[in-house]
Amino acid sequence: MLDMINFSVSQGSFHPSINIAVISLLLKKDKDPTSCSSYRPLSLIGTDVKLYAKVLSRRLEKFMNRLVHHDQTGFIKSRSASDNLRRLYHIINSTNSSSSPCAVLSLDAMKAFDQLEWNYLWAVLQHLGLGSSFINMIKVLYFNPAASVLTGSVCSNPFFIHRGTRQGCPLSPLLFALSLEPLAQAVRRSQTISPIIIRNTQHHISLFADDILLFLEKPSHSIPHVLNLFDHFGSLSGFKINWSKSCLLPLNSKFDPTSLSASIPLVQNFKYLGINVFPSLQEILSKNYNSILSKISSDLENWSRLPTSLQARISVIKMNVLPRINFFSSMIPLPPPVGYWNKLDACVSRYIWNGKRPRIKLTTLQRSRLHGGLSLPNFRLYAQAFSLRPLSVWFDPDASVSWRAIEESIVYPYKLKHLVFSGVPLRQCKSRFGPIVTHLLSTWRDVERRLQLVTIWHKHSPIFHNNNLLSGNTPFHCPQWTHHKVNTLGDIYDDSGLQSFQNLKTQYNLPGTSFFMYLRIRSALRAYGVPWNSQLPIHPLRKLILPSEEFPSSASVIYLFLLEHSYKPLSITTVWAKDLNEDVHVLFSDQIWGMFKLSSKNPNHQMIHWKLLHRVYLTPMKRFHMNLSSSPKCNLCSQGSLGTFLHFFWECPSLSPFWSQLSQDLSYLLGTEICLTPRHFFMNDFWDLTLSVQQRGFRTNVGVK
């Protein structure tokens, strides 16, 4: 294949039989099947061409962050659609009180990927400096490409394609993003299109591939110039806008609809990247969250009629409900309506237990399997993980996202990377920083408090504008030190403790006149009990959130950290320890909950073992306490013993022959004595036995329980 690709590159084209795509047609929802426009084409290209295109895309994606402005987030590594929406929410919140009319123009592109003119694309790539060699390698993909339409089992005759980026090609999204960059630059540089200005930051355009938003101040003046600009761009690139399907959303009461001359529909809301956008954050929250909760509740009610097991129902929650909830949690950086998570948990619990009384707490089911649960999602913790994810941008001064400039201006004179450690009272945050930044700070402090991670003094504690470090009831402020990049305690501490002023002066080139500031800071540190002669720790959450090669950060990583630190001791472990007269920590070691997987390869058998450990099954004693039977006595034997769990499953004389025979058979098969104890046969804890690898494998295969 390598020889074939190298030969094709040298010739400037692939063989016609290779560079051909097969197009299947999918009928759009609620569309007329007799109309051609009702079908969505799905194009499949050859694997060999895909591999070649993937190699080119891997090379190109390394430079996309430098070639494409952060206004464009579609298909570019380290950028996310949630960045576009976070910026949009800031704009909506700020323009509500603006004295100028403001609006958001949502544009509907007409078959954007299919209309791109290749001559325009080559000119853009040349202008961006990709180099003639690399551009020629891309042109190999676009030399006489062909396609045929698959209808049933019949393929049409091939026809040549003369424009557009190729569907199904790994390189297409990057090429399309590059092709739109001149348009975005023209909008940003235009003197006649008025952007929305928030705290001295200008906002012109937001793009996710071909989903485009324009932020317009005085839209009646700007829109005619927008029309002219897009018409001119379309004549060069082939990019066309369907103005009748585009829409304009006024953001405040200053907007006068009669002043608009263009035939662009005015709307009260529109859908952008899967979120219904309204001119009010409160409406965005209530409409989106309540809508998805209603839909999920209806779906779970319908699915509850199906005869599925507990494990299957948890899988439904993980595969169907979790992605839908997480989408909104990741796209809306604000808290849902009051009581939302409780309502969702109630719906999930009702579905899992089929409307019956739950036998196991939801918090137990939400634990990981290695900690005694079934990995049922904890939606609240997932939401907190998504809320904390933007901190990776706050902590990284080099991170370039569209909303960073807004939040930097909002929190001034604080710095984003220091804000969570600055001790700003939450009651002051909402009025100073707005709801989005306040929610992040509130989530951070809630996580610190619940996980008992509150650490005031660490390497990242800011020296200046820190409400936890005061001098005369006022935070420290020293532009001289800030200018020389001395901002945190980690800057003035080393492995042995607080550095001398002479060392700091030499290291940071501090002026000698700031010695008095050093004395004031040192005195304040002593007053607050900060040690001088020891190394300061790293805040555990900061190390988790700030991505690195050693600790890659993501919402799932943060979620697992929050989940594991939220565990409380399981009450069932104490019950087992009491019944078996053993120490709870010895009986339930870290590996015990993973042992039930070894009871059988059959998931249903594993679930039986898991339910046994959690004592889900109803014994005579439990049925008596539930008023389901008239006697607590064991109904398997005639001794009149109480039907406790241990008696009913282990001590009952009617079961003794079974357990004795099982112990003898295993002892014979494994060649070692297997003691008849509940710890071995209930907990599956055979680690105290000297067994070879083959014996342990045999024990697993025979299904020891």
Foldseek 3Di string as FASTA:
>chain_A
DVVQLVVLLVVLAHDQVQLEKEWEWDAAPPDDPVDPVRTDIAIDHDPVQQVLLVVLQVVVLVCLPVLAAQLEQAPHPPGDPLLVLVQVVLLLVQCQPDPFWKKKWKWDWDVQQQQFAVVLLLVLCVVSPPDPSSSSSVSRSVDFRWYWYQDPNDTDDIDTRGGGFDHPHPNSQSSLSSSCRVVVVCQVPDPFFAFDAALNDGDAWHHHRPTIMGIGTPCLRRVVVVVVSQVVSCVSTVIDTPQQPMEMEIQYPNDDVVSHDDNHHYDQWDADPRFIDGSDLVCSQAVLLVVLLVVVLVVLVVCLPDPDALLVLLVCCVPPVVVSLLVCLLNRLFDHPPCSLVSSVVSSQCSSVVNDDDLDDPLQQCAPLLQQHVNRPRSVLLSLLSNQQCLLVQLDVPDRHDCLVNQCSQPPPDGSNAVLLQPDDLVVCCVRRNRNVSSSSVSVVVLCVLLVLDDNDAFSHWQANRCLQDDPNHGDDDVQCVVLVDTGLNLQADAQFGDDVVVSCVVSVGDPVCVVVVVRSVVSCVVSPNDGGHHGHDRVVVVQNNADPVHHHDSVSSSVVSSVSNDDDDPLLVVVCVVQVHDSCVLDDSRLSVLLCLLEVDVVSSVVLSCLSVVSDDWLLNCVVVVNDVDQFHPPDDPRHGRDSCCVVPVPPVCVVVLVVVQVVLCVVQVHHDDSDCSCQNSVDPVVDDGDPVSSVVSSHVRRD
